[in-house]
C-alpha atoms as a PDB file:
ATOM      1  CA  UNK A   1      20.440 326.199  81.547  1.00  0.00           C
ATOM      2  CA  UNK A   2      19.071 326.962  85.072  1.00  0.00           C
ATOM      3  CA  UNK A   3      19.015 324.600  88.072  1.00  0.00           C
ATOM      4  CA  UNK A   4      15.220 325.057  88.363  1.00  0.00           C
ATOM      5  CA  UNK A   5      14.754 323.752  84.797  1.00  0.00           C
ATOM      6  CA  UNK A   6      17.216 320.784  85.461  1.00  0.00           C
ATOM      7  CA  UNK A   7      15.192 319.651  88.533  1.00  0.00           C
ATOM      8  CA  UNK A   8      11.996 319.642  86.519  1.00  0.00           C
ATOM      9  CA  UNK A   9      13.453 316.497  84.833  1.00  0.00           C
ATOM     10  CA  UNK A  10      12.876 314.608  87.917  1.00  0.00           C
ATOM     11  CA  UNK A  11       9.054 314.696  88.221  1.00  0.00           C
ATOM     12  CA  UNK A  12       8.735 314.308  84.412  1.00  0.00           C
ATOM     13  CA  UNK A  13      10.606 310.980  84.561  1.00  0.00           C
ATOM     14  CA  UNK A  14       8.432 309.720  87.303  1.00  0.00           C
ATOM     15  CA  UNK A  15       5.223 310.636  85.532  1.00  0.00           C
ATOM     16  CA  UNK A  16       6.426 309.047  82.371  1.00  0.00           C
ATOM     17  CA  UNK A  17       7.360 305.795  84.077  1.00  0.00           C
ATOM     18  CA  UNK A  18       4.138 305.690  85.897  1.00  0.00           C
ATOM     19  CA  UNK A  19       1.935 306.365  82.931  1.00  0.00           C
ATOM     20  CA  UNK A  20       3.922 303.852  80.935  1.00  0.00           C
ATOM     21  CA  UNK A  21       3.169 301.165  83.334  1.00  0.00           C
ATOM     22  CA  UNK A  22      -0.627 301.548  83.233  1.00  0.00           C
ATOM     23  CA  UNK A  23      -1.133 301.715  79.564  1.00  0.00           C
ATOM     24  CA  UNK A  24      -2.971 299.618  77.031  1.00  0.00           C
ATOM     25  CA  UNK A  25      -2.905 298.975  73.279  1.00  0.00           C
ATOM     26  CA  UNK A  26      -5.489 297.136  71.275  1.00  0.00           C
ATOM     27  CA  UNK A  27      -3.810 294.216  69.340  1.00  0.00           C
ATOM     28  CA  UNK A  28      -6.031 291.837  67.331  1.00  0.00           C
ATOM     29  CA  UNK A  29      -4.002 288.708  66.427  1.00  0.00           C
ATOM     30  CA  UNK A  30      -4.909 287.561  62.982  1.00  0.00           C
ATOM     31  CA  UNK A  31      -5.975 283.925  62.630  1.00  0.00           C
ATOM     32  CA  UNK A  32      -3.457 282.408  60.179  1.00  0.00           C
ATOM     33  CA  UNK A  33      -4.600 278.794  60.836  1.00  0.00           C
ATOM     34  CA  UNK A  34      -8.142 278.843  59.268  1.00  0.00           C
ATOM     35  CA  UNK A  35      -7.934 278.112  55.630  1.00  0.00           C
ATOM     36  CA  UNK A  36     -11.328 277.633  53.721  1.00  0.00           C
ATOM     37  CA  UNK A  37     -11.952 273.891  53.643  1.00  0.00           C
ATOM     38  CA  UNK A  38     -14.872 271.519  53.245  1.00  0.00           C
ATOM     39  CA  UNK A  39     -16.169 270.104  56.583  1.00  0.00           C
ATOM     40  CA  UNK A  40     -14.650 266.651  55.926  1.00  0.00           C
ATOM     41  CA  UNK A  41     -12.798 264.477  58.459  1.00  0.00           C
ATOM     42  CA  UNK A  42      -9.554 264.545  56.538  1.00  0.00           C
ATOM     43  CA  UNK A  43      -9.639 268.479  56.245  1.00  0.00           C
ATOM     44  CA  UNK A  44     -10.353 268.854  60.028  1.00  0.00           C
ATOM     45  CA  UNK A  45      -7.416 266.516  60.872  1.00  0.00           C
ATOM     46  CA  UNK A  46      -5.191 268.610  58.626  1.00  0.00           C
ATOM     47  CA  UNK A  47      -6.466 271.866  60.225  1.00  0.00           C
ATOM     48  CA  UNK A  48      -5.936 270.530  63.684  1.00  0.00           C
ATOM     49  CA  UNK A  49      -2.466 269.415  62.811  1.00  0.00           C
ATOM     50  CA  UNK A  50      -1.611 272.923  61.469  1.00  0.00           C
ATOM     51  CA  UNK A  51      -3.081 274.554  64.535  1.00  0.00           C
ATOM     52  CA  UNK A  52      -0.885 272.392  66.743  1.00  0.00           C
ATOM     53  CA  UNK A  53       2.125 273.257  64.756  1.00  0.00           C
ATOM     54  CA  UNK A  54       1.451 277.034  64.966  1.00  0.00           C
ATOM     55  CA  UNK A  55       0.876 276.714  68.763  1.00  0.00           C
ATOM     56  CA  UNK A  56       4.085 274.818  69.249  1.00  0.00           C
ATOM     57  CA  UNK A  57       6.082 277.318  67.164  1.00  0.00           C
ATOM     58  CA  UNK A  58       4.631 280.120  69.119  1.00  0.00           C
ATOM     59  CA  UNK A  59       5.355 278.510  72.507  1.00  0.00           C
ATOM     60  CA  UNK A  60       8.987 277.985  71.233  1.00  0.00           C
ATOM     61  CA  UNK A  61       9.280 281.612  70.337  1.00  0.00           C
ATOM     62  CA  UNK A  62       7.943 282.805  73.588  1.00  0.00           C
ATOM     63  CA  UNK A  63      10.455 280.606  75.460  1.00  0.00           C
ATOM     64  CA  UNK A  64      13.292 282.054  73.392  1.00  0.00           C
ATOM     65  CA  UNK A  65      12.246 285.647  74.227  1.00  0.00           C
ATOM     66  CA  UNK A  66      11.874 284.728  77.941  1.00  0.00           C
ATOM     67  CA  UNK A  67      15.330 283.128  78.029  1.00  0.00           C
ATOM     68  CA  UNK A  68      16.965 286.353  77.034  1.00  0.00           C
ATOM     69  CA  UNK A  69      16.129 287.856  80.413  1.00  0.00           C
ATOM     70  CA  UNK A  70      19.352 288.659  82.368  1.00  0.00           C
ATOM     71  CA  UNK A  71      20.011 286.593  85.460  1.00  0.00           C
ATOM     72  CA  UNK A  72      22.180 289.412  87.080  1.00  0.00           C
ATOM     73  CA  UNK A  73      21.170 290.524  90.464  1.00  0.00           C
ATOM     74  CA  UNK A  74      22.450 294.052  90.057  1.00  0.00           C
ATOM     75  CA  UNK A  75      22.707 296.383  87.018  1.00  0.00           C
ATOM     76  CA  UNK A  76      24.597 299.636  87.650  1.00  0.00           C
ATOM     77  CA  UNK A  77      25.823 302.147  85.087  1.00  0.00           C
ATOM     78  CA  UNK A  78      26.851 305.768  84.575  1.00  0.00           C
ATOM     79  CA  UNK A  79      24.278 307.179  82.054  1.00  0.00           C
ATOM     80  CA  UNK A  80      23.553 310.057  79.818  1.00  0.00           C
ATOM     81  CA  UNK A  81      20.029 311.116  80.277  1.00  0.00           C
ATOM     82  CA  UNK A  82      18.233 313.110  77.638  1.00  0.00           C
ATOM     83  CA  UNK A  83      14.824 314.889  77.851  1.00  0.00           C
ATOM     84  CA  UNK A  84      12.886 316.253  74.992  1.00  0.00           C
ATOM     85  CA  UNK A  85       9.600 318.055  75.364  1.00  0.00           C
ATOM     86  CA  UNK A  86       8.206 320.887  73.384  1.00  0.00           C
ATOM     87  CA  UNK A  87      11.155 322.981  72.090  1.00  0.00           C
ATOM     88  CA  UNK A  88      13.514 321.824  74.979  1.00  0.00           C
ATOM     89  CA  UNK A  89      16.173 319.072  74.434  1.00  0.00           C
ATOM     90  CA  UNK A  90      18.672 318.733  77.222  1.00  0.00           C
ATOM     91  CA  UNK A  91      21.162 316.071  78.284  1.00  0.00           C
ATOM     92  CA  UNK A  92      22.597 315.478  81.680  1.00  0.00           C
ATOM     93  CA  UNK A  93      24.766 312.813  83.226  1.00  0.00           C
ATOM     94  CA  UNK A  94      23.738 310.442  86.069  1.00  0.00           C
ATOM     95  CA  UNK A  95      23.583 306.848  87.394  1.00  0.00           C
ATOM     96  CA  UNK A  96      21.266 304.055  87.056  1.00  0.00           C
ATOM     97  CA  UNK A  97      21.296 301.511  89.924  1.00  0.00           C
ATOM     98  CA  UNK A  98      18.956 298.504  90.016  1.00  0.00           C
ATOM     99  CA  UNK A  99      18.760 295.463  92.205  1.00  0.00           C
ATOM    100  CA  UNK A 100      16.536 292.656  91.129  1.00  0.00           C
ATOM    101  CA  UNK A 101      13.142 292.526  92.992  1.00  0.00           C
ATOM    102  CA  UNK A 102      14.260 295.334  95.303  1.00  0.00           C
ATOM    103  CA  UNK A 103      15.013 298.760  93.775  1.00  0.00           C
ATOM    104  CA  UNK A 104      15.266 300.916  90.739  1.00  0.00           C
ATOM    105  CA  UNK A 105      17.166 304.221  91.208  1.00  0.00           C
ATOM    106  CA  UNK A 106      18.050 306.972  88.647  1.00  0.00           C
ATOM    107  CA  UNK A 107      20.368 309.799  89.878  1.00  0.00           C
ATOM    108  CA  UNK A 108      20.687 312.972  87.826  1.00  0.00           C
ATOM    109  CA  UNK A 109      23.572 315.370  88.137  1.00  0.00           C
ATOM    110  CA  UNK A 110      23.942 319.147  87.619  1.00  0.00           C
ATOM    111  CA  UNK A 111      25.922 319.841  84.429  1.00  0.00           C
ATOM    112  CA  UNK A 112      29.574 320.875  84.905  1.00  0.00           C
ATOM    113  CA  UNK A 113      29.202 320.900  88.704  1.00  0.00           C
ATOM    114  CA  UNK A 114      28.727 317.155  88.818  1.00  0.00           C
ATOM    115  CA  UNK A 115      26.703 317.211  92.063  1.00  0.00           C
ATOM    116  CA  UNK A 116      23.393 315.255  92.339  1.00  0.00           C
ATOM    117  CA  UNK A 117      20.355 317.364  91.475  1.00  0.00           C
ATOM    118  CA  UNK A 118      17.792 314.729  92.258  1.00  0.00           C
ATOM    119  CA  UNK A 119      16.869 311.134  92.151  1.00  0.00           C
ATOM    120  CA  UNK A 120      13.977 308.759  91.544  1.00  0.00           C
ATOM    121  CA  UNK A 121      13.691 305.711  93.662  1.00  0.00           C
ATOM    122  CA  UNK A 122      11.266 302.905  93.017  1.00  0.00           C
ATOM    123  CA  UNK A 123      11.066 300.043  95.495  1.00  0.00           C
ATOM    124  CA  UNK A 124       8.559 297.265  96.220  1.00  0.00           C
ATOM    125  CA  UNK A 125       6.775 299.441  98.730  1.00  0.00           C
ATOM    126  CA  UNK A 126       7.009 303.131  97.517  1.00  0.00           C
ATOM    127  CA  UNK A 127       8.012 305.643  94.832  1.00  0.00           C
ATOM    128  CA  UNK A 128      10.149 308.519  96.057  1.00  0.00           C
ATOM    129  CA  UNK A 129      11.310 311.634  94.119  1.00  0.00           C
ATOM    130  CA  UNK A 130      14.030 313.654  95.682  1.00  0.00           C
ATOM    131  CA  UNK A 131      14.875 317.374  94.745  1.00  0.00           C
ATOM    132  CA  UNK A 132      18.385 317.804  96.042  1.00  0.00           C
ATOM    133  CA  UNK A 133      18.481 321.483  94.913  1.00  0.00           C
ATOM    134  CA  UNK A 134      15.318 322.692  96.687  1.00  0.00           C
ATOM    135  CA  UNK A 135      15.512 319.996  99.517  1.00  0.00           C
ATOM    136  CA  UNK A 136      12.106 318.664  98.667  1.00  0.00           C
ATOM    137  CA  UNK A 137      10.640 315.197  98.227  1.00  0.00           C
ATOM    138  CA  UNK A 138       7.604 313.195  97.363  1.00  0.00           C
ATOM    139  CA  UNK A 139       7.011 309.691  98.594  1.00  0.00           C
ATOM    140  CA  UNK A 140       3.955 307.586  97.907  1.00  0.00           C
ATOM    141  CA  UNK A 141       2.592 304.080  98.047  1.00  0.00           C
ATOM    142  CA  UNK A 142       1.732 302.337  94.740  1.00  0.00           C
ATOM    143  CA  UNK A 143      -1.860 301.757  96.259  1.00  0.00           C
ATOM    144  CA  UNK A 144      -2.298 305.476  96.469  1.00  0.00           C
ATOM    145  CA  UNK A 145      -2.540 305.756  92.784  1.00  0.00           C
ATOM    146  CA  UNK A 146      -5.905 304.441  91.577  1.00  0.00           C
ATOM    147  CA  UNK A 147      -5.202 303.255  88.182  1.00  0.00           C
ATOM    148  CA  UNK A 148      -2.074 301.366  89.445  1.00  0.00           C
ATOM    149  CA  UNK A 149      -4.093 299.740  92.282  1.00  0.00           C
ATOM    150  CA  UNK A 150      -7.056 298.798  90.183  1.00  0.00           C
ATOM    151  CA  UNK A 151      -5.032 297.234  87.356  1.00  0.00           C
ATOM    152  CA  UNK A 152      -2.525 295.440  89.362  1.00  0.00           C
ATOM    153  CA  UNK A 153       0.469 297.578  88.556  1.00  0.00           C
ATOM    154  CA  UNK A 154       3.365 297.359  91.017  1.00  0.00           C
ATOM    155  CA  UNK A 155       7.073 297.584  91.227  1.00  0.00           C
ATOM    156  CA  UNK A 156       7.639 294.396  89.251  1.00  0.00           C
ATOM    157  CA  UNK A 157       5.847 295.800  86.228  1.00  0.00           C
ATOM    158  CA  UNK A 158       8.249 298.754  86.254  1.00  0.00           C
ATOM    159  CA  UNK A 159      11.166 296.551  86.780  1.00  0.00           C
ATOM    160  CA  UNK A 160      10.245 294.566  83.608  1.00  0.00           C
ATOM    161  CA  UNK A 161      10.169 297.749  81.652  1.00  0.00           C
ATOM    162  CA  UNK A 162      13.653 298.794  82.669  1.00  0.00           C
ATOM    163  CA  UNK A 163      15.058 295.160  82.536  1.00  0.00           C
ATOM    164  CA  UNK A 164      13.844 294.492  79.132  1.00  0.00           C
ATOM    165  CA  UNK A 165      11.584 291.582  79.810  1.00  0.00           C
ATOM    166  CA  UNK A 166       8.026 290.349  79.366  1.00  0.00           C
ATOM    167  CA  UNK A 167       5.744 290.862  82.408  1.00  0.00           C
ATOM    168  CA  UNK A 168       2.237 290.057  83.634  1.00  0.00           C
ATOM    169  CA  UNK A 169       0.806 292.918  85.659  1.00  0.00           C
ATOM    170  CA  UNK A 170       0.516 292.187  89.380  1.00  0.00           C
ATOM    171  CA  UNK A 171       2.944 289.126  89.126  1.00  0.00           C
ATOM    172  CA  UNK A 172       6.482 289.166  90.504  1.00  0.00           C
ATOM    173  CA  UNK A 173       7.955 287.167  87.721  1.00  0.00           C
ATOM    174  CA  UNK A 174       6.941 285.343  84.461  1.00  0.00           C
ATOM    175  CA  UNK A 175       7.552 281.611  84.751  1.00  0.00           C
ATOM    176  CA  UNK A 176       7.316 279.263  81.841  1.00  0.00           C
ATOM    177  CA  UNK A 177       3.818 278.196  82.678  1.00  0.00           C
ATOM    178  CA  UNK A 178       2.640 281.854  82.713  1.00  0.00           C
ATOM    179  CA  UNK A 179       3.787 282.369  79.028  1.00  0.00           C
ATOM    180  CA  UNK A 180       0.463 280.874  78.111  1.00  0.00           C
ATOM    181  CA  UNK A 181      -1.150 284.208  78.974  1.00  0.00           C
ATOM    182  CA  UNK A 182       0.616 285.868  75.986  1.00  0.00           C
ATOM    183  CA  UNK A 183      -0.620 285.877  72.440  1.00  0.00           C
ATOM    184  CA  UNK A 184       1.750 285.656  69.604  1.00  0.00           C
ATOM    185  CA  UNK A 185       1.404 287.004  65.988  1.00  0.00           C
ATOM    186  CA  UNK A 186       4.347 285.521  64.087  1.00  0.00           C
ATOM    187  CA  UNK A 187       5.394 287.312  60.920  1.00  0.00           C
ATOM    188  CA  UNK A 188       8.327 285.435  59.402  1.00  0.00           C
ATOM    189  CA  UNK A 189       8.385 287.864  56.491  1.00  0.00           C
ATOM    190  CA  UNK A 190       9.621 290.578  58.880  1.00  0.00           C
ATOM    191  CA  UNK A 191      12.525 290.977  61.237  1.00  0.00           C
ATOM    192  CA  UNK A 192      10.255 291.039  64.265  1.00  0.00           C
ATOM    193  CA  UNK A 193       7.042 289.459  65.526  1.00  0.00           C
ATOM    194  CA  UNK A 194       4.417 290.747  67.991  1.00  0.00           C
ATOM    195  CA  UNK A 195       3.601 289.393  71.469  1.00  0.00           C
ATOM    196  CA  UNK A 196       0.533 290.775  73.271  1.00  0.00           C
ATOM    197  CA  UNK A 197      -1.195 290.731  76.525  1.00  0.00           C
ATOM    198  CA  UNK A 198      -4.554 292.187  77.660  1.00  0.00           C
ATOM    199  CA  UNK A 199      -5.506 293.286  81.152  1.00  0.00           C
ATOM    200  CA  UNK A 200      -8.585 295.315  81.840  1.00  0.00           C
ATOM    201  CA  UNK A 201      -8.064 298.822  80.390  1.00  0.00           C
ATOM    202  CA  UNK A 202      -4.475 297.828  79.500  1.00  0.00           C
ATOM    203  CA  UNK A 203      -3.015 296.013  76.561  1.00  0.00           C
ATOM    204  CA  UNK A 204       0.692 295.576  75.972  1.00  0.00           C
ATOM    205  CA  UNK A 205       2.536 294.670  72.811  1.00  0.00           C
ATOM    206  CA  UNK A 206       6.249 293.667  72.596  1.00  0.00           C
ATOM    207  CA  UNK A 207       8.168 293.494  69.230  1.00  0.00           C
ATOM    208  CA  UNK A 208      10.860 290.685  69.384  1.00  0.00           C
ATOM    209  CA  UNK A 209      13.406 289.680  66.882  1.00  0.00           C
ATOM    210  CA  UNK A 210      12.431 286.458  65.154  1.00  0.00           C
ATOM    211  CA  UNK A 211      16.135 285.350  64.865  1.00  0.00           C
ATOM    212  CA  UNK A 212      17.221 286.195  68.463  1.00  0.00           C
ATOM    213  CA  UNK A 213      14.198 286.661  70.492  1.00  0.00           C
ATOM    214  CA  UNK A 214      15.511 290.059  71.786  1.00  0.00           C
ATOM    215  CA  UNK A 215      12.736 292.584  72.766  1.00  0.00           C
ATOM    216  CA  UNK A 216      13.289 295.647  70.637  1.00  0.00           C
ATOM    217  CA  UNK A 217      10.151 297.532  71.367  1.00  0.00           C
ATOM    218  CA  UNK A 218       7.258 297.802  73.747  1.00  0.00           C
ATOM    219  CA  UNK A 219       4.071 299.724  72.983  1.00  0.00           C
ATOM    220  CA  UNK A 220       1.666 300.431  75.805  1.00  0.00           C
ATOM    221  CA  UNK A 221      -1.503 302.647  75.786  1.00  0.00           C
ATOM    222  CA  UNK A 222      -3.796 303.465  78.690  1.00  0.00           C
ATOM    223  CA  UNK A 223      -7.362 304.362  78.062  1.00  0.00           C
ATOM    224  CA  UNK A 224      -7.248 304.012  74.254  1.00  0.00           C
ATOM    225  CA  UNK A 225     -11.116 304.050  73.969  1.00  0.00           C
ATOM    226  CA  UNK A 226     -11.377 306.971  76.185  1.00  0.00           C
ATOM    227  CA  UNK A 227     -11.267 310.693  75.320  1.00  0.00           C
ATOM    228  CA  UNK A 228      -7.857 311.172  76.869  1.00  0.00           C
ATOM    229  CA  UNK A 229      -5.603 308.214  76.033  1.00  0.00           C
ATOM    230  CA  UNK A 230      -1.931 307.955  77.021  1.00  0.00           C
ATOM    231  CA  UNK A 231       0.609 306.130  75.001  1.00  0.00           C
ATOM    232  CA  UNK A 232       4.163 305.021  75.441  1.00  0.00           C
ATOM    233  CA  UNK A 233       6.593 303.514  73.120  1.00  0.00           C
ATOM    234  CA  UNK A 234       9.783 302.026  74.539  1.00  0.00           C
ATOM    235  CA  UNK A 235      12.559 301.309  72.123  1.00  0.00           C
ATOM    236  CA  UNK A 236      15.650 299.286  73.076  1.00  0.00           C
ATOM    237  CA  UNK A 237      18.858 299.318  71.020  1.00  0.00           C
ATOM    238  CA  UNK A 238      22.672 298.787  71.022  1.00  0.00           C
ATOM    239  CA  UNK A 239      22.513 295.462  72.879  1.00  0.00           C
ATOM    240  CA  UNK A 240      25.816 294.593  74.542  1.00  0.00           C
ATOM    241  CA  UNK A 241      27.096 291.427  76.216  1.00  0.00           C
ATOM    242  CA  UNK A 242      26.226 291.533  79.947  1.00  0.00           C
ATOM    243  CA  UNK A 243      26.144 288.706  82.486  1.00  0.00           C
ATOM    244  CA  UNK A 244      26.142 286.066  79.738  1.00  0.00           C
ATOM    245  CA  UNK A 245      23.094 287.570  77.956  1.00  0.00           C
ATOM    246  CA  UNK A 246      22.485 290.559  75.820  1.00  0.00           C
ATOM    247  CA  UNK A 247      21.225 293.879  77.422  1.00  0.00           C
ATOM    248  CA  UNK A 248      20.171 297.182  75.719  1.00  0.00           C
ATOM    249  CA  UNK A 249      22.651 300.052  76.256  1.00  0.00           C
ATOM    250  CA  UNK A 250      19.999 302.490  74.817  1.00  0.00           C
ATOM    251  CA  UNK A 251      16.463 302.848  76.189  1.00  0.00           C
ATOM    252  CA  UNK A 252      14.164 305.492  74.713  1.00  0.00           C
ATOM    253  CA  UNK A 253      10.697 306.194  76.235  1.00  0.00           C
ATOM    254  CA  UNK A 254       8.366 308.247  74.148  1.00  0.00           C
ATOM    255  CA  UNK A 255       5.200 309.255  75.931  1.00  0.00           C
ATOM    256  CA  UNK A 256       2.212 311.018  74.679  1.00  0.00           C
ATOM    257  CA  UNK A 257      -0.604 311.870  77.194  1.00  0.00           C
ATOM    258  CA  UNK A 258      -3.887 313.607  76.843  1.00  0.00           C
ATOM    259  CA  UNK A 259      -4.828 313.127  80.493  1.00  0.00           C
ATOM    260  CA  UNK A 260      -3.675 316.558  81.534  1.00  0.00           C
ATOM    261  CA  UNK A 261      -5.430 319.851  80.438  1.00  0.00           C
ATOM    262  CA  UNK A 262      -2.575 320.444  78.041  1.00  0.00           C
ATOM    263  CA  UNK A 263      -1.507 317.394  75.967  1.00  0.00           C
ATOM    264  CA  UNK A 264       2.088 316.471  76.445  1.00  0.00           C
ATOM    265  CA  UNK A 265       4.702 314.670  74.456  1.00  0.00           C
ATOM    266  CA  UNK A 266       7.697 313.643  76.331  1.00  0.00           C
ATOM    267  CA  UNK A 267      10.721 311.686  75.253  1.00  0.00           C
ATOM    268  CA  UNK A 268      13.292 310.260  77.763  1.00  0.00           C
ATOM    269  CA  UNK A 269      16.470 308.652  76.546  1.00  0.00           C
ATOM    270  CA  UNK A 270      18.848 306.680  78.773  1.00  0.00           C
ATOM    271  CA  UNK A 271      22.201 305.572  77.537  1.00  0.00           C
ATOM    272  CA  UNK A 272      24.023 303.126  79.645  1.00  0.00           C
ATOM    273  CA  UNK A 273      27.887 303.827  79.396  1.00  0.00           C
ATOM    274  CA  UNK A 274      29.544 301.514  81.876  1.00  0.00           C
ATOM    275  CA  UNK A 275      27.364 298.481  82.737  1.00  0.00           C
ATOM    276  CA  UNK A 276      28.382 296.607  85.652  1.00  0.00           C
ATOM    277  CA  UNK A 277      27.084 294.448  88.532  1.00  0.00           C
ATOM    278  CA  UNK A 278      28.279 296.413  91.560  1.00  0.00           C
ATOM    279  CA  UNK A 279      26.485 295.276  94.755  1.00  0.00           C
ATOM    280  CA  UNK A 280      28.225 297.554  97.247  1.00  0.00           C
ATOM    281  CA  UNK A 281      25.590 300.359  97.615  1.00  0.00           C
ATOM    282  CA  UNK A 282      22.720 301.251  99.838  1.00  0.00           C
ATOM    283  CA  UNK A 283      19.265 300.351  98.386  1.00  0.00           C
ATOM    284  CA  UNK A 284      17.359 302.883 100.283  1.00  0.00           C
ATOM    285  CA  UNK A 285      17.613 306.686 100.397  1.00  0.00           C
ATOM    286  CA  UNK A 286      17.685 308.350 103.776  1.00  0.00           C
ATOM    287  CA  UNK A 287      16.851 312.000 104.061  1.00  0.00           C
ATOM    288  CA  UNK A 288      17.732 314.575 106.707  1.00  0.00           C
ATOM    289  CA  UNK A 289      15.177 316.716 108.432  1.00  0.00           C
ATOM    290  CA  UNK A 290      15.983 319.624 106.106  1.00  0.00           C
ATOM    291  CA  UNK A 291      13.964 317.927 103.443  1.00  0.00           C
ATOM    292  CA  UNK A 292      10.380 318.943 102.938  1.00  0.00           C
ATOM    293  CA  UNK A 293       7.640 316.661 101.792  1.00  0.00           C
ATOM    294  CA  UNK A 294       5.607 318.248  98.775  1.00  0.00           C
ATOM    295  CA  UNK A 295       2.241 317.253  97.363  1.00  0.00           C
ATOM    296  CA  UNK A 296       1.484 315.477  94.029  1.00  0.00           C
ATOM    297  CA  UNK A 297      -0.121 318.729  92.837  1.00  0.00           C
ATOM    298  CA  UNK A 298       3.153 320.657  93.346  1.00  0.00           C
ATOM    299  CA  UNK A 299       4.954 318.039  91.213  1.00  0.00           C
ATOM    300  CA  UNK A 300       2.306 318.273  88.509  1.00  0.00           C
ATOM    301  CA  UNK A 301       2.718 322.061  88.458  1.00  0.00           C
ATOM    302  CA  UNK A 302       6.383 321.603  87.787  1.00  0.00           C
ATOM    303  CA  UNK A 303       5.504 319.202  84.980  1.00  0.00           C
ATOM    304  CA  UNK A 304       3.159 321.550  83.332  1.00  0.00           C
ATOM    305  CA  UNK A 305       5.607 324.428  83.607  1.00  0.00           C
ATOM    306  CA  UNK A 306       7.882 322.658  81.186  1.00  0.00           C
END
């Protein structure tokens, strides 16, 4: 396994996360509250009462899901990071370091040697990808990416994806009043029910357990009605006790994109091995003058070379 191939993981992860955050998926919520009735006052009253009952049950379910969000300020862990694309399937070690409303950082190491090969750093103000092997980096503003800017995607949307929570694009947090923006399709005959949200070209769908309210899956698709849609499925598993709540120790992102000349399918797996709340670390990466800034085109060329 060459160092040059290892470092290609870095831009692929960045591309997957950015595409994931701007996706949409059509979800039509079936109306289960409209039985065929005669237009009598008694039937209308009964129908209204049933609609209120469904609305109250859905609101209670949303609150249960929302209440599962961890209140920890920091999440840190050693990780195993797996990349699958085409015939390639590799796993490297690394670290995940996140501070609420501030930064998400993924550091990846060269196998055997254990030295850092590169890192991805998402902050409120910028995205930075660092190639430690070739002393290169790319740094950009969220507003420099058209579909992120036009659809209200920012750091907080990415944070919600990593922190296993609901989110409203463009909003820093989801307070209880904002839960009204979500639609719920309860299916008590199955283990999970669907929660959906629509925004412009994006629609999101979360699958949450009926019994616990834990989010087990997020489906997002960008440009579904276009000729080159992109789709990401994010699965959460192996929930462990963390900071008084449950947090997924396994996160798998499966991305399919047709927005490039050659369609890509990329699967990224992150296994958190030692979850903690360490707060003694620098939240911003400083680079020496030996690092050279590279263009988005160069990063895309590395992605397409996989």
